[in-house]
Amino acid sequence: MISKIESLGTGTGKIVYSTNDCEDILRLSKAEILELFKSSGVVLFRGFGVTPMLMKEFSEKFSYSYLKDPTKTSIDSVDFVNSVDNGMGASPAHTEHGSSPHQPDVIWFCCKTPAQEGGETLFWDGVQLWKEMSQHLKQLFVEKKLKFTFEHLPLDMLNQWIDGGETIDDCKQVLDGNF
């Protein structure tokens, strides 16, 4: 049972706190976490002493497949945990895997080495952003279709995006808009 939950900022997100430092995150109720995620969209876990491999085990309770980002550096021996930012600068607002033919339904983050100062991760609520757009801007997004082109993209790189039996031809069809 989750004992302490607080709001995360001004949105619908929630923070789940450990009742003591290093409470076992694997003992949290799967049903409670799912309901919290469905109603909040973002759930931040604090004080659970999670390592990257423990995060992998926890995420496997909720996710059955994972995307490998060919642009990220793996930091573990099983090629599951990747660095988010190889530098020290801020990342602009973006959709995760926004230029990939496959985008995740859920994104799992685990901070291995927190910044000494700053370093916060910003979460953007795309639904709220859409609600706050002007009608004119919404209409532009509805009427104008975006097409991403990948010039000089080695086809073997597409293999790293494939998950669940897709082929290179399937990926090419998605990239060409023929799906």
N, C-alpha and C. Protein backbone atom coordinates (compact mmCIF):
# COMPACT_ATOMS: atom_id res chain seq x y z
N MET A 1 0.84 -1.19 0.00
CA MET A 1 0.00 0.00 0.00
C MET A 1 0.88 1.25 0.00
N ILE A 2 0.51 2.20 -0.81
CA ILE A 2 1.25 3.46 -0.88
C ILE A 2 0.80 4.33 0.29
N SER A 3 1.79 4.81 1.05
CA SER A 3 1.41 5.56 2.25
C SER A 3 1.51 7.07 2.10
N LYS A 4 2.41 7.57 1.25
CA LYS A 4 2.54 9.02 1.12
C LYS A 4 2.62 9.42 -0.34
N ILE A 5 1.64 10.23 -0.77
CA ILE A 5 1.56 10.73 -2.14
C ILE A 5 1.33 12.23 -2.08
N GLU A 6 2.07 12.98 -2.91
CA GLU A 6 1.89 14.42 -3.01
C GLU A 6 1.77 14.81 -4.47
N SER A 7 1.25 16.01 -4.70
CA SER A 7 1.18 16.54 -6.06
C SER A 7 2.58 16.89 -6.54
N LEU A 8 2.78 16.74 -7.83
CA LEU A 8 4.03 17.11 -8.48
C LEU A 8 3.78 18.39 -9.25
N GLY A 9 4.23 19.50 -8.74
CA GLY A 9 4.02 20.79 -9.40
C GLY A 9 2.56 21.18 -9.44
N THR A 10 2.19 21.88 -10.51
CA THR A 10 0.82 22.39 -10.63
C THR A 10 -0.06 21.52 -11.52
N GLY A 11 0.52 20.47 -12.10
CA GLY A 11 -0.24 19.59 -12.99
C GLY A 11 -0.88 18.44 -12.23
N THR A 12 -1.16 17.39 -12.94
CA THR A 12 -1.82 16.23 -12.35
C THR A 12 -0.83 15.19 -11.83
N GLY A 13 0.47 15.36 -12.10
CA GLY A 13 1.48 14.39 -11.69
C GLY A 13 1.52 14.20 -10.19
N LYS A 14 2.05 13.05 -9.77
CA LYS A 14 2.13 12.71 -8.35
C LYS A 14 3.53 12.25 -7.98
N ILE A 15 3.90 12.47 -6.72
CA ILE A 15 5.14 11.95 -6.15
C ILE A 15 4.76 10.88 -5.14
N VAL A 16 5.36 9.70 -5.26
CA VAL A 16 5.17 8.62 -4.29
C VAL A 16 6.44 8.54 -3.47
N TYR A 17 6.31 8.68 -2.15
CA TYR A 17 7.46 8.66 -1.26
C TYR A 17 7.59 7.31 -0.57
N SER A 18 8.83 6.89 -0.36
CA SER A 18 9.13 5.72 0.45
C SER A 18 8.81 6.05 1.90
N THR A 19 8.29 5.08 2.64
CA THR A 19 7.99 5.32 4.05
C THR A 19 9.27 5.35 4.87
N ASN A 20 10.33 4.77 4.33
CA ASN A 20 11.65 4.86 4.95
C ASN A 20 12.66 4.86 3.82
N ASP A 21 13.85 5.30 4.07
CA ASP A 21 14.86 5.29 3.01
C ASP A 21 15.12 3.85 2.59
N CYS A 22 15.02 3.60 1.31
CA CYS A 22 15.30 2.29 0.71
C CYS A 22 14.18 1.27 0.88
N GLU A 23 12.94 1.71 1.02
CA GLU A 23 11.81 0.78 0.98
C GLU A 23 11.86 0.06 -0.36
N ASP A 24 11.48 -1.20 -0.39
CA ASP A 24 11.55 -2.01 -1.62
C ASP A 24 10.46 -1.58 -2.59
N ILE A 25 10.86 -0.96 -3.69
CA ILE A 25 9.90 -0.47 -4.69
C ILE A 25 9.12 -1.63 -5.32
N LEU A 26 9.70 -2.82 -5.33
CA LEU A 26 9.03 -3.98 -5.92
C LEU A 26 7.84 -4.44 -5.10
N ARG A 27 7.74 -3.99 -3.87
CA ARG A 27 6.61 -4.37 -3.01
C ARG A 27 5.39 -3.46 -3.17
N LEU A 28 5.55 -2.38 -3.91
CA LEU A 28 4.40 -1.50 -4.14
C LEU A 28 3.35 -2.24 -4.95
N SER A 29 2.10 -1.95 -4.69
CA SER A 29 0.99 -2.60 -5.37
C SER A 29 0.95 -2.20 -6.84
N LYS A 30 1.01 -3.19 -7.72
CA LYS A 30 0.94 -2.93 -9.15
C LYS A 30 -0.37 -2.24 -9.50
N ALA A 31 -1.47 -2.69 -8.92
CA ALA A 31 -2.78 -2.10 -9.21
C ALA A 31 -2.82 -0.63 -8.79
N GLU A 32 -2.27 -0.31 -7.61
CA GLU A 32 -2.26 1.08 -7.15
C GLU A 32 -1.41 1.96 -8.05
N ILE A 33 -0.25 1.45 -8.45
CA ILE A 33 0.64 2.24 -9.33
C ILE A 33 -0.04 2.48 -10.67
N LEU A 34 -0.68 1.45 -11.22
CA LEU A 34 -1.38 1.62 -12.50
C LEU A 34 -2.49 2.66 -12.40
N GLU A 35 -3.28 2.61 -11.35
CA GLU A 35 -4.36 3.59 -11.17
C GLU A 35 -3.79 5.00 -11.01
N LEU A 36 -2.71 5.11 -10.25
CA LEU A 36 -2.09 6.41 -10.05
C LEU A 36 -1.55 6.96 -11.37
N PHE A 37 -0.93 6.09 -12.16
CA PHE A 37 -0.40 6.53 -13.45
C PHE A 37 -1.54 6.93 -14.39
N LYS A 38 -2.61 6.15 -14.42
CA LYS A 38 -3.75 6.48 -15.30
C LYS A 38 -4.36 7.82 -14.94
N SER A 39 -4.45 8.13 -13.67
CA SER A 39 -5.09 9.39 -13.26
C SER A 39 -4.12 10.56 -13.27
N SER A 40 -2.81 10.29 -13.23
CA SER A 40 -1.83 11.37 -13.09
C SER A 40 -1.00 11.62 -14.34
N GLY A 41 -0.69 10.57 -15.08
CA GLY A 41 0.15 10.71 -16.26
C GLY A 41 1.63 10.66 -15.96
N VAL A 42 2.05 11.19 -14.82
CA VAL A 42 3.45 11.18 -14.39
C VAL A 42 3.49 10.76 -12.93
N VAL A 43 4.32 9.79 -12.64
CA VAL A 43 4.52 9.36 -11.26
C VAL A 43 6.02 9.37 -10.98
N LEU A 44 6.40 10.10 -9.95
CA LEU A 44 7.80 10.21 -9.54
C LEU A 44 7.96 9.47 -8.22
N PHE A 45 8.93 8.57 -8.14
CA PHE A 45 9.19 7.79 -6.93
C PHE A 45 10.41 8.38 -6.23
N ARG A 46 10.27 8.68 -4.93
CA ARG A 46 11.36 9.29 -4.17
C ARG A 46 11.71 8.41 -2.95
N GLY A 47 13.02 8.23 -2.73
CA GLY A 47 13.49 7.58 -1.51
C GLY A 47 13.46 6.07 -1.52
N PHE A 48 13.40 5.46 -2.69
CA PHE A 48 13.32 4.00 -2.75
C PHE A 48 14.68 3.34 -2.96
N GLY A 49 15.74 4.10 -3.07
CA GLY A 49 17.07 3.53 -3.25
C GLY A 49 17.17 2.67 -4.50
N VAL A 50 16.57 3.12 -5.58
CA VAL A 50 16.50 2.33 -6.82
C VAL A 50 17.80 2.44 -7.60
N THR A 51 18.30 1.30 -8.03
CA THR A 51 19.44 1.23 -8.93
C THR A 51 18.90 1.04 -10.35
N PRO A 52 19.72 1.25 -11.36
CA PRO A 52 19.23 1.02 -12.72
C PRO A 52 18.68 -0.40 -12.94
N MET A 53 19.33 -1.41 -12.41
CA MET A 53 18.85 -2.78 -12.62
C MET A 53 17.57 -3.05 -11.83
N LEU A 54 17.42 -2.46 -10.65
CA LEU A 54 16.18 -2.59 -9.90
C LEU A 54 15.05 -1.87 -10.64
N MET A 55 15.38 -0.74 -11.27
CA MET A 55 14.38 -0.02 -12.06
C MET A 55 13.94 -0.86 -13.24
N LYS A 56 14.87 -1.59 -13.85
CA LYS A 56 14.53 -2.49 -14.94
C LYS A 56 13.53 -3.53 -14.46
N GLU A 57 13.81 -4.13 -13.32
CA GLU A 57 12.91 -5.16 -12.77
C GLU A 57 11.54 -4.56 -12.45
N PHE A 58 11.52 -3.37 -11.87
CA PHE A 58 10.25 -2.70 -11.55
C PHE A 58 9.47 -2.38 -12.82
N SER A 59 10.16 -1.83 -13.83
CA SER A 59 9.46 -1.45 -15.06
C SER A 59 8.89 -2.67 -15.78
N GLU A 60 9.53 -3.81 -15.63
CA GLU A 60 9.04 -5.03 -16.28
C GLU A 60 7.69 -5.49 -15.72
N LYS A 61 7.29 -4.98 -14.55
CA LYS A 61 5.97 -5.28 -14.01
C LYS A 61 4.88 -4.57 -14.83
N PHE A 62 5.27 -3.53 -15.57
CA PHE A 62 4.31 -2.69 -16.27
C PHE A 62 4.51 -2.64 -17.78
N SER A 63 5.70 -2.92 -18.25
CA SER A 63 6.04 -2.81 -19.67
C SER A 63 6.55 -4.15 -20.18
N TYR A 64 6.15 -4.51 -21.39
CA TYR A 64 6.59 -5.79 -21.93
C TYR A 64 7.58 -5.65 -23.08
N SER A 65 7.76 -4.43 -23.58
CA SER A 65 8.76 -4.23 -24.62
C SER A 65 9.40 -2.86 -24.43
N TYR A 66 10.59 -2.73 -24.99
CA TYR A 66 11.37 -1.51 -24.80
C TYR A 66 11.97 -1.08 -26.13
N LEU A 67 12.13 0.23 -26.28
CA LEU A 67 12.78 0.78 -27.46
C LEU A 67 14.24 1.03 -27.14
N LYS A 68 15.08 0.70 -28.06
CA LYS A 68 16.50 1.00 -27.94
C LYS A 68 16.78 2.24 -28.77
N ASP A 69 17.33 3.25 -28.15
CA ASP A 69 17.67 4.47 -28.86
C ASP A 69 19.10 4.37 -29.37
N PRO A 70 19.27 4.31 -30.69
CA PRO A 70 20.62 4.15 -31.24
C PRO A 70 21.53 5.35 -30.98
N THR A 71 20.97 6.46 -30.54
CA THR A 71 21.79 7.64 -30.30
C THR A 71 22.28 7.72 -28.85
N LYS A 72 21.81 6.83 -27.98
CA LYS A 72 22.18 6.87 -26.56
C LYS A 72 23.26 5.84 -26.25
N THR A 73 24.06 6.15 -25.25
CA THR A 73 25.13 5.27 -24.82
C THR A 73 24.61 4.35 -23.71
N SER A 74 24.83 3.05 -23.87
CA SER A 74 24.43 2.09 -22.84
C SER A 74 25.38 2.20 -21.65
N ILE A 75 24.82 2.14 -20.44
CA ILE A 75 25.66 2.24 -19.25
C ILE A 75 25.56 0.99 -18.38
N ASP A 76 25.00 -0.09 -18.92
CA ASP A 76 24.94 -1.33 -18.16
C ASP A 76 25.36 -2.50 -19.03
N SER A 77 25.55 -3.64 -18.42
CA SER A 77 26.09 -4.79 -19.13
C SER A 77 25.07 -5.50 -20.01
N VAL A 78 23.77 -5.26 -19.80
CA VAL A 78 22.76 -5.94 -20.60
C VAL A 78 22.13 -5.02 -21.64
N ASP A 79 22.73 -3.83 -21.84
CA ASP A 79 22.28 -2.90 -22.88
C ASP A 79 20.83 -2.47 -22.69
N PHE A 80 20.42 -2.30 -21.44
CA PHE A 80 19.06 -1.87 -21.13
C PHE A 80 19.03 -0.42 -20.68
N VAL A 81 19.95 -0.03 -19.83
CA VAL A 81 19.96 1.31 -19.26
C VAL A 81 20.87 2.19 -20.11
N ASN A 82 20.34 3.33 -20.53
CA ASN A 82 21.09 4.25 -21.38
C ASN A 82 21.23 5.60 -20.71
N SER A 83 22.29 6.30 -21.06
CA SER A 83 22.42 7.66 -20.57
C SER A 83 21.37 8.51 -21.26
N VAL A 84 20.92 9.54 -20.60
CA VAL A 84 19.92 10.43 -21.19
C VAL A 84 20.60 11.57 -21.92
N ASP A 85 21.63 12.11 -21.30
CA ASP A 85 22.30 13.28 -21.86
C ASP A 85 23.80 13.08 -21.67
N ASN A 86 24.51 13.01 -22.78
CA ASN A 86 25.96 12.82 -22.69
C ASN A 86 26.69 14.08 -22.27
N GLY A 87 26.02 15.20 -22.28
CA GLY A 87 26.65 16.46 -21.92
C GLY A 87 26.17 16.96 -20.58
N MET A 88 26.35 18.23 -20.37
CA MET A 88 25.96 18.83 -19.10
C MET A 88 24.88 19.90 -19.31
N GLY A 89 24.41 20.05 -20.54
CA GLY A 89 23.45 21.10 -20.84
C GLY A 89 22.01 20.63 -20.71
N ALA A 90 21.13 21.58 -20.82
CA ALA A 90 19.70 21.30 -20.76
C ALA A 90 19.23 20.74 -22.10
N SER A 91 18.21 19.91 -22.04
CA SER A 91 17.58 19.38 -23.25
C SER A 91 16.31 20.18 -23.51
N PRO A 92 16.09 20.58 -24.75
CA PRO A 92 14.86 21.33 -25.04
C PRO A 92 13.64 20.42 -24.94
N ALA A 93 12.47 21.01 -24.83
CA ALA A 93 11.23 20.22 -24.80
C ALA A 93 11.15 19.38 -26.08
N HIS A 94 10.77 18.13 -25.92
CA HIS A 94 10.71 17.23 -27.07
C HIS A 94 9.80 16.04 -26.76
N THR A 95 9.39 15.38 -27.80
CA THR A 95 8.67 14.12 -27.67
C THR A 95 9.72 13.01 -27.70
N GLU A 96 9.64 12.12 -26.75
CA GLU A 96 10.62 11.03 -26.71
C GLU A 96 10.49 10.18 -27.97
N HIS A 97 11.60 9.97 -28.64
CA HIS A 97 11.66 9.22 -29.90
C HIS A 97 10.76 9.86 -30.96
N GLY A 98 10.64 11.19 -30.92
CA GLY A 98 9.75 11.89 -31.82
C GLY A 98 10.06 11.72 -33.30
N SER A 99 11.29 11.40 -33.62
CA SER A 99 11.64 11.20 -35.03
C SER A 99 11.78 9.72 -35.37
N SER A 100 11.37 8.88 -34.47
CA SER A 100 11.45 7.43 -34.68
C SER A 100 10.11 6.92 -35.22
N PRO A 101 10.15 5.84 -35.98
CA PRO A 101 8.87 5.26 -36.43
C PRO A 101 8.08 4.63 -35.29
N HIS A 102 8.70 4.43 -34.15
CA HIS A 102 8.03 3.83 -32.99
C HIS A 102 8.25 4.73 -31.78
N GLN A 103 7.16 5.11 -31.12
CA GLN A 103 7.26 5.95 -29.94
C GLN A 103 6.74 5.19 -28.73
N PRO A 104 7.34 5.43 -27.57
CA PRO A 104 6.94 4.68 -26.37
C PRO A 104 5.62 5.17 -25.80
N ASP A 105 4.91 4.25 -25.15
CA ASP A 105 3.70 4.60 -24.41
C ASP A 105 4.06 5.10 -23.02
N VAL A 106 5.16 4.57 -22.49
CA VAL A 106 5.62 4.91 -21.14
C VAL A 106 7.12 5.16 -21.22
N ILE A 107 7.60 6.11 -20.44
CA ILE A 107 9.02 6.39 -20.36
C ILE A 107 9.45 6.19 -18.91
N TRP A 108 10.50 5.41 -18.72
CA TRP A 108 11.03 5.13 -17.39
C TRP A 108 12.37 5.85 -17.23
N PHE A 109 12.52 6.63 -16.17
CA PHE A 109 13.77 7.28 -15.86
C PHE A 109 14.25 6.79 -14.50
N CYS A 110 15.54 6.65 -14.35
CA CYS A 110 16.15 6.33 -13.06
C CYS A 110 17.42 7.15 -12.97
N CYS A 111 17.52 7.98 -11.96
CA CYS A 111 18.68 8.84 -11.83
C CYS A 111 19.77 8.11 -11.06
N LYS A 112 20.84 7.78 -11.76
CA LYS A 112 21.96 7.06 -11.16
C LYS A 112 22.87 8.01 -10.38
N THR A 113 23.16 9.17 -10.96
CA THR A 113 24.03 10.14 -10.31
C THR A 113 23.36 11.51 -10.37
N PRO A 114 22.70 11.91 -9.29
CA PRO A 114 22.01 13.21 -9.31
C PRO A 114 23.00 14.37 -9.39
N ALA A 115 22.54 15.44 -10.02
CA ALA A 115 23.36 16.65 -10.09
C ALA A 115 23.53 17.22 -8.68
N GLN A 116 24.67 17.84 -8.44
CA GLN A 116 24.87 18.46 -7.13
C GLN A 116 23.98 19.67 -6.96
N GLU A 117 23.67 20.32 -8.10
CA GLU A 117 22.80 21.48 -8.06
C GLU A 117 22.00 21.50 -9.35
N GLY A 118 20.71 21.76 -9.27
CA GLY A 118 19.86 21.77 -10.46
C GLY A 118 19.68 20.35 -11.00
N GLY A 119 19.62 20.21 -12.31
CA GLY A 119 19.53 18.89 -12.93
C GLY A 119 18.14 18.31 -12.99
N GLU A 120 17.13 19.10 -12.67
CA GLU A 120 15.77 18.59 -12.67
C GLU A 120 15.33 18.16 -14.07
N THR A 121 14.46 17.18 -14.12
CA THR A 121 13.84 16.76 -15.37
C THR A 121 12.48 17.43 -15.45
N LEU A 122 12.23 18.11 -16.55
CA LEU A 122 10.93 18.74 -16.76
C LEU A 122 10.01 17.76 -17.48
N PHE A 123 8.79 17.69 -17.06
CA PHE A 123 7.78 16.87 -17.72
C PHE A 123 6.78 17.80 -18.38
N TRP A 124 6.47 17.54 -19.63
CA TRP A 124 5.53 18.36 -20.37
C TRP A 124 4.25 17.56 -20.58
N ASP A 125 3.13 18.18 -20.32
CA ASP A 125 1.83 17.54 -20.51
C ASP A 125 1.31 17.95 -21.88
N GLY A 126 1.44 17.05 -22.86
CA GLY A 126 1.02 17.34 -24.22
C GLY A 126 -0.46 17.61 -24.34
N VAL A 127 -1.27 16.94 -23.54
CA VAL A 127 -2.72 17.17 -23.58
C VAL A 127 -3.03 18.58 -23.11
N GLN A 128 -2.40 18.99 -22.02
CA GLN A 128 -2.62 20.35 -21.50
C GLN A 128 -2.10 21.39 -22.49
N LEU A 129 -0.96 21.11 -23.10
CA LEU A 129 -0.40 22.02 -24.10
C LEU A 129 -1.39 22.21 -25.24
N TRP A 130 -1.97 21.11 -25.73
CA TRP A 130 -2.96 21.16 -26.80
C TRP A 130 -4.17 22.01 -26.38
N LYS A 131 -4.65 21.81 -25.16
CA LYS A 131 -5.81 22.57 -24.66
C LYS A 131 -5.53 24.07 -24.64
N GLU A 132 -4.29 24.44 -24.37
CA GLU A 132 -3.96 25.86 -24.24
C GLU A 132 -3.56 26.52 -25.56
N MET A 133 -3.43 25.75 -26.63
CA MET A 133 -3.12 26.32 -27.94
C MET A 133 -4.31 27.09 -28.48
N SER A 134 -3.99 28.10 -29.28
CA SER A 134 -5.07 28.83 -29.93
C SER A 134 -5.74 27.92 -30.97
N GLN A 135 -6.96 28.23 -31.30
CA GLN A 135 -7.69 27.44 -32.29
C GLN A 135 -6.97 27.48 -33.64
N HIS A 136 -6.40 28.62 -33.98
CA HIS A 136 -5.66 28.76 -35.23
C HIS A 136 -4.47 27.80 -35.28
N LEU A 137 -3.71 27.74 -34.20
CA LEU A 137 -2.55 26.85 -34.16
C LEU A 137 -2.98 25.37 -34.20
N LYS A 138 -4.04 25.04 -33.49
CA LYS A 138 -4.56 23.67 -33.54
C LYS A 138 -4.94 23.29 -34.97
N GLN A 139 -5.59 24.21 -35.65
CA GLN A 139 -6.02 23.95 -37.03
C GLN A 139 -4.82 23.71 -37.94
N LEU A 140 -3.74 24.46 -37.74
CA LEU A 140 -2.53 24.24 -38.53
C LEU A 140 -1.99 22.82 -38.32
N PHE A 141 -1.97 22.35 -37.09
CA PHE A 141 -1.49 20.99 -36.82
C PHE A 141 -2.41 19.94 -37.43
N VAL A 142 -3.70 20.21 -37.47
CA VAL A 142 -4.65 19.25 -38.05
C VAL A 142 -4.51 19.22 -39.57
N GLU A 143 -4.36 20.39 -40.18
CA GLU A 143 -4.33 20.48 -41.64
C GLU A 143 -2.97 20.15 -42.26
N LYS A 144 -1.90 20.54 -41.60
CA LYS A 144 -0.56 20.35 -42.15
C LYS A 144 0.04 19.07 -41.59
N LYS A 145 0.37 18.16 -42.46
CA LYS A 145 1.00 16.91 -42.04
C LYS A 145 2.51 17.08 -42.07
N LEU A 146 3.16 16.65 -41.03
CA LEU A 146 4.61 16.70 -40.97
C LEU A 146 5.18 15.41 -41.56
N LYS A 147 6.22 15.57 -42.34
CA LYS A 147 6.90 14.40 -42.88
C LYS A 147 8.38 14.54 -42.56
N PHE A 148 8.89 13.55 -41.86
CA PHE A 148 10.30 13.55 -41.52
C PHE A 148 11.05 12.77 -42.58
N THR A 149 12.16 13.31 -43.02
CA THR A 149 13.00 12.57 -43.96
C THR A 149 14.31 12.22 -43.27
N PHE A 150 14.81 11.07 -43.60
CA PHE A 150 16.04 10.57 -43.01
C PHE A 150 17.04 10.33 -44.12
N GLU A 151 17.71 11.38 -44.52
CA GLU A 151 18.70 11.25 -45.58
C GLU A 151 19.95 10.61 -45.03
N HIS A 152 20.46 9.68 -45.78
CA HIS A 152 21.71 9.01 -45.44
C HIS A 152 21.62 8.23 -44.13
N LEU A 153 20.44 7.77 -43.78
CA LEU A 153 20.27 6.95 -42.58
C LEU A 153 20.58 5.51 -42.95
N PRO A 154 21.60 4.91 -42.34
CA PRO A 154 21.91 3.52 -42.66
C PRO A 154 20.74 2.61 -42.26
N LEU A 155 20.34 1.74 -43.17
CA LEU A 155 19.20 0.88 -42.89
C LEU A 155 19.44 -0.03 -41.69
N ASP A 156 20.69 -0.40 -41.44
CA ASP A 156 20.93 -1.25 -40.28
C ASP A 156 20.63 -0.52 -38.97
N MET A 157 20.64 0.82 -38.99
CA MET A 157 20.27 1.57 -37.80
C MET A 157 18.78 1.36 -37.48
N LEU A 158 17.95 1.17 -38.51
CA LEU A 158 16.54 0.92 -38.28
C LEU A 158 16.33 -0.35 -37.47
N ASN A 159 17.22 -1.31 -37.60
CA ASN A 159 17.11 -2.55 -36.82
C ASN A 159 17.04 -2.27 -35.34
N GLN A 160 17.69 -1.21 -34.89
CA GLN A 160 17.71 -0.89 -33.47
C GLN A 160 16.36 -0.34 -33.01
N TRP A 161 15.51 0.10 -33.93
CA TRP A 161 14.19 0.58 -33.56
C TRP A 161 13.15 -0.52 -33.64
N ILE A 162 13.48 -1.60 -34.28
CA ILE A 162 12.50 -2.66 -34.52
C ILE A 162 12.24 -3.42 -33.23
N ASP A 163 10.97 -3.66 -32.96
CA ASP A 163 10.57 -4.37 -31.76
C ASP A 163 9.29 -5.11 -32.07
N GLY A 164 9.25 -6.39 -31.92
CA GLY A 164 8.00 -7.12 -32.10
C GLY A 164 7.81 -7.70 -33.49
N GLY A 165 8.89 -7.96 -34.22
CA GLY A 165 8.77 -8.66 -35.48
C GLY A 165 8.69 -7.81 -36.73
N GLU A 166 8.79 -6.47 -36.59
CA GLU A 166 8.77 -5.64 -37.79
C GLU A 166 10.03 -5.90 -38.62
N THR A 167 9.92 -5.61 -39.88
CA THR A 167 11.07 -5.77 -40.77
C THR A 167 11.57 -4.40 -41.20
N ILE A 168 12.71 -4.39 -41.86
CA ILE A 168 13.24 -3.13 -42.41
C ILE A 168 12.21 -2.53 -43.37
N ASP A 169 11.56 -3.37 -44.20
CA ASP A 169 10.55 -2.86 -45.13
C ASP A 169 9.38 -2.22 -44.38
N ASP A 170 8.97 -2.82 -43.25
CA ASP A 170 7.91 -2.22 -42.44
C ASP A 170 8.32 -0.82 -41.98
N CYS A 171 9.56 -0.69 -41.51
CA CYS A 171 10.05 0.62 -41.06
C CYS A 171 10.10 1.61 -42.21
N LYS A 172 10.56 1.17 -43.37
CA LYS A 172 10.61 2.07 -44.53
C LYS A 172 9.20 2.55 -44.88
N GLN A 173 8.21 1.65 -44.80
CA GLN A 173 6.83 2.07 -45.08
C GLN A 173 6.36 3.11 -44.09
N VAL A 174 6.67 2.93 -42.81
CA VAL A 174 6.29 3.92 -41.79
C VAL A 174 6.97 5.25 -42.08
N LEU A 175 8.26 5.20 -42.37
CA LEU A 175 8.99 6.44 -42.66
C LEU A 175 8.47 7.13 -43.92
N ASP A 176 8.03 6.37 -44.89
CA ASP A 176 7.51 6.95 -46.12
C ASP A 176 6.02 7.33 -46.01
N GLY A 177 5.41 7.03 -44.87
CA GLY A 177 3.99 7.37 -44.68
C GLY A 177 3.05 6.39 -45.34
N ASN A 178 3.51 5.20 -45.69
CA ASN A 178 2.66 4.21 -46.37
C ASN A 178 2.27 3.10 -45.41
N PHE A 179 1.61 3.45 -44.34
CA PHE A 179 1.24 2.41 -43.37
C PHE A 179 -0.24 2.33 -43.21
